[in-house]
């Protein structure tokens, strides 16, 4: 297992297979890694509410 860099937290979750397939498909379509896609999604969803 790789060491998580300082200032980061490891995300581990069991998700339904169909949801993962859609996630992987969107990563490929947008040309980003799964990590980059998740970071963008979380920032968009979590920080949009704090800007109001």
N, C-alpha and C. Protein backbone atom coordinates (compact mmCIF):
# COMPACT_ATOMS: atom_id res chain seq x y z
N UNK A 1 0.85 -1.19 0.00
CA UNK A 1 0.00 0.00 0.00
C UNK A 1 0.89 1.24 0.00
N UNK A 2 0.50 2.23 -0.78
CA UNK A 2 1.30 3.44 -0.86
C UNK A 2 1.04 4.34 0.33
N UNK A 3 2.05 5.11 0.67
CA UNK A 3 1.91 6.05 1.78
C UNK A 3 1.18 7.29 1.28
N UNK A 4 0.20 7.72 2.04
CA UNK A 4 -0.56 8.92 1.69
C UNK A 4 0.29 10.15 2.03
N UNK A 5 0.44 11.09 1.07
CA UNK A 5 1.24 12.29 1.32
C UNK A 5 0.70 13.11 2.51
N UNK A 6 1.58 13.82 3.13
CA UNK A 6 1.20 14.69 4.24
C UNK A 6 0.17 15.71 3.75
N UNK A 7 -0.87 15.93 4.54
CA UNK A 7 -1.91 16.88 4.17
C UNK A 7 -3.03 16.27 3.35
N UNK A 8 -2.96 14.97 3.10
CA UNK A 8 -3.98 14.26 2.33
C UNK A 8 -4.59 13.16 3.18
N UNK A 9 -5.78 12.74 2.83
CA UNK A 9 -6.44 11.61 3.48
C UNK A 9 -6.81 10.61 2.41
N UNK A 10 -6.70 9.33 2.71
CA UNK A 10 -7.05 8.28 1.76
C UNK A 10 -8.56 8.07 1.80
N UNK A 11 -9.16 7.94 0.62
CA UNK A 11 -10.60 7.71 0.49
C UNK A 11 -10.80 6.27 0.06
N UNK A 12 -11.58 5.53 0.83
CA UNK A 12 -11.84 4.14 0.52
C UNK A 12 -13.33 3.89 0.73
N UNK A 13 -14.01 3.41 -0.32
CA UNK A 13 -15.44 3.17 -0.20
C UNK A 13 -15.88 2.05 -1.12
N UNK A 14 -16.87 1.31 -0.69
CA UNK A 14 -17.50 0.30 -1.53
C UNK A 14 -18.69 0.97 -2.20
N UNK A 15 -18.70 0.95 -3.54
CA UNK A 15 -19.80 1.56 -4.27
C UNK A 15 -20.38 0.53 -5.24
N UNK A 16 -21.64 0.69 -5.61
CA UNK A 16 -22.25 -0.26 -6.55
C UNK A 16 -21.49 -0.29 -7.88
N UNK A 17 -21.45 -1.47 -8.50
CA UNK A 17 -20.69 -1.67 -9.74
C UNK A 17 -21.16 -0.74 -10.86
N UNK A 18 -22.45 -0.56 -11.03
CA UNK A 18 -22.96 0.30 -12.10
C UNK A 18 -22.51 1.76 -11.90
N UNK A 19 -22.51 2.21 -10.67
CA UNK A 19 -22.07 3.57 -10.37
C UNK A 19 -20.58 3.72 -10.68
N UNK A 20 -19.78 2.70 -10.34
CA UNK A 20 -18.35 2.75 -10.63
C UNK A 20 -18.10 2.76 -12.13
N UNK A 21 -18.88 1.99 -12.87
CA UNK A 21 -18.72 1.97 -14.33
C UNK A 21 -18.99 3.34 -14.93
N UNK A 22 -20.03 4.01 -14.45
CA UNK A 22 -20.35 5.35 -14.94
C UNK A 22 -19.23 6.33 -14.58
N UNK A 23 -18.71 6.21 -13.38
CA UNK A 23 -17.60 7.03 -12.91
C UNK A 23 -16.38 6.84 -13.81
N UNK A 24 -16.02 5.58 -14.09
CA UNK A 24 -14.87 5.29 -14.93
C UNK A 24 -15.08 5.82 -16.35
N UNK A 25 -16.29 5.67 -16.87
CA UNK A 25 -16.61 6.16 -18.21
C UNK A 25 -16.42 7.67 -18.30
N UNK A 26 -16.89 8.39 -17.29
CA UNK A 26 -16.75 9.85 -17.30
C UNK A 26 -15.29 10.28 -17.17
N UNK A 27 -14.51 9.55 -16.39
CA UNK A 27 -13.08 9.85 -16.27
C UNK A 27 -12.41 9.73 -17.64
N UNK A 28 -12.74 8.68 -18.37
CA UNK A 28 -12.17 8.47 -19.70
C UNK A 28 -12.62 9.57 -20.64
N UNK A 29 -13.92 9.89 -20.63
CA UNK A 29 -14.45 10.92 -21.51
C UNK A 29 -13.79 12.28 -21.27
N UNK A 30 -13.54 12.61 -20.01
CA UNK A 30 -12.95 13.90 -19.67
C UNK A 30 -11.42 13.87 -19.70
N UNK A 31 -10.84 12.68 -19.86
CA UNK A 31 -9.40 12.56 -19.95
C UNK A 31 -8.66 12.88 -18.66
N UNK A 32 -9.28 12.53 -17.53
CA UNK A 32 -8.64 12.78 -16.24
C UNK A 32 -8.54 11.47 -15.46
N UNK A 33 -7.65 11.46 -14.49
CA UNK A 33 -7.52 10.28 -13.63
C UNK A 33 -8.71 10.23 -12.68
N UNK A 34 -8.92 9.07 -12.10
CA UNK A 34 -10.02 8.92 -11.13
C UNK A 34 -9.81 9.88 -9.95
N UNK A 35 -8.57 10.02 -9.53
CA UNK A 35 -8.26 10.92 -8.41
C UNK A 35 -8.62 12.36 -8.77
N UNK A 36 -8.18 12.81 -9.95
CA UNK A 36 -8.48 14.18 -10.37
C UNK A 36 -9.99 14.41 -10.48
N UNK A 37 -10.70 13.43 -11.04
CA UNK A 37 -12.14 13.55 -11.21
C UNK A 37 -12.83 13.67 -9.85
N UNK A 38 -12.43 12.83 -8.89
CA UNK A 38 -13.03 12.88 -7.55
C UNK A 38 -12.75 14.20 -6.85
N UNK A 39 -11.53 14.69 -6.97
CA UNK A 39 -11.17 15.96 -6.34
C UNK A 39 -12.03 17.08 -6.93
N UNK A 40 -12.16 17.12 -8.25
CA UNK A 40 -12.98 18.15 -8.91
C UNK A 40 -14.44 18.05 -8.46
N UNK A 41 -14.97 16.83 -8.42
CA UNK A 41 -16.36 16.62 -8.02
C UNK A 41 -16.60 17.03 -6.57
N UNK A 42 -15.71 16.63 -5.69
CA UNK A 42 -15.87 16.97 -4.28
C UNK A 42 -15.74 18.48 -4.06
N UNK A 43 -14.77 19.11 -4.72
CA UNK A 43 -14.64 20.56 -4.58
C UNK A 43 -15.89 21.28 -5.07
N UNK A 44 -16.40 20.85 -6.21
CA UNK A 44 -17.60 21.47 -6.78
C UNK A 44 -18.79 21.30 -5.84
N UNK A 45 -18.99 20.09 -5.35
CA UNK A 45 -20.16 19.81 -4.52
C UNK A 45 -20.03 20.38 -3.11
N UNK A 46 -18.86 20.34 -2.54
CA UNK A 46 -18.69 20.79 -1.15
C UNK A 46 -18.52 22.30 -1.03
N UNK A 47 -17.83 22.90 -1.98
CA UNK A 47 -17.53 24.30 -1.86
C UNK A 47 -18.58 25.21 -2.50
N UNK A 48 -19.45 24.66 -3.35
CA UNK A 48 -20.49 25.51 -3.95
C UNK A 48 -21.46 25.99 -2.88
N UNK A 49 -21.68 25.19 -1.85
CA UNK A 49 -22.61 25.57 -0.79
C UNK A 49 -22.01 26.63 0.13
N UNK A 50 -20.68 26.59 0.30
CA UNK A 50 -20.04 27.55 1.21
C UNK A 50 -19.90 28.92 0.60
N UNK A 51 -20.05 29.04 -0.74
CA UNK A 51 -19.91 30.33 -1.41
C UNK A 51 -21.20 31.15 -1.36
N UNK A 52 -22.30 30.52 -0.96
CA UNK A 52 -23.59 31.21 -0.94
C UNK A 52 -23.71 32.13 0.25
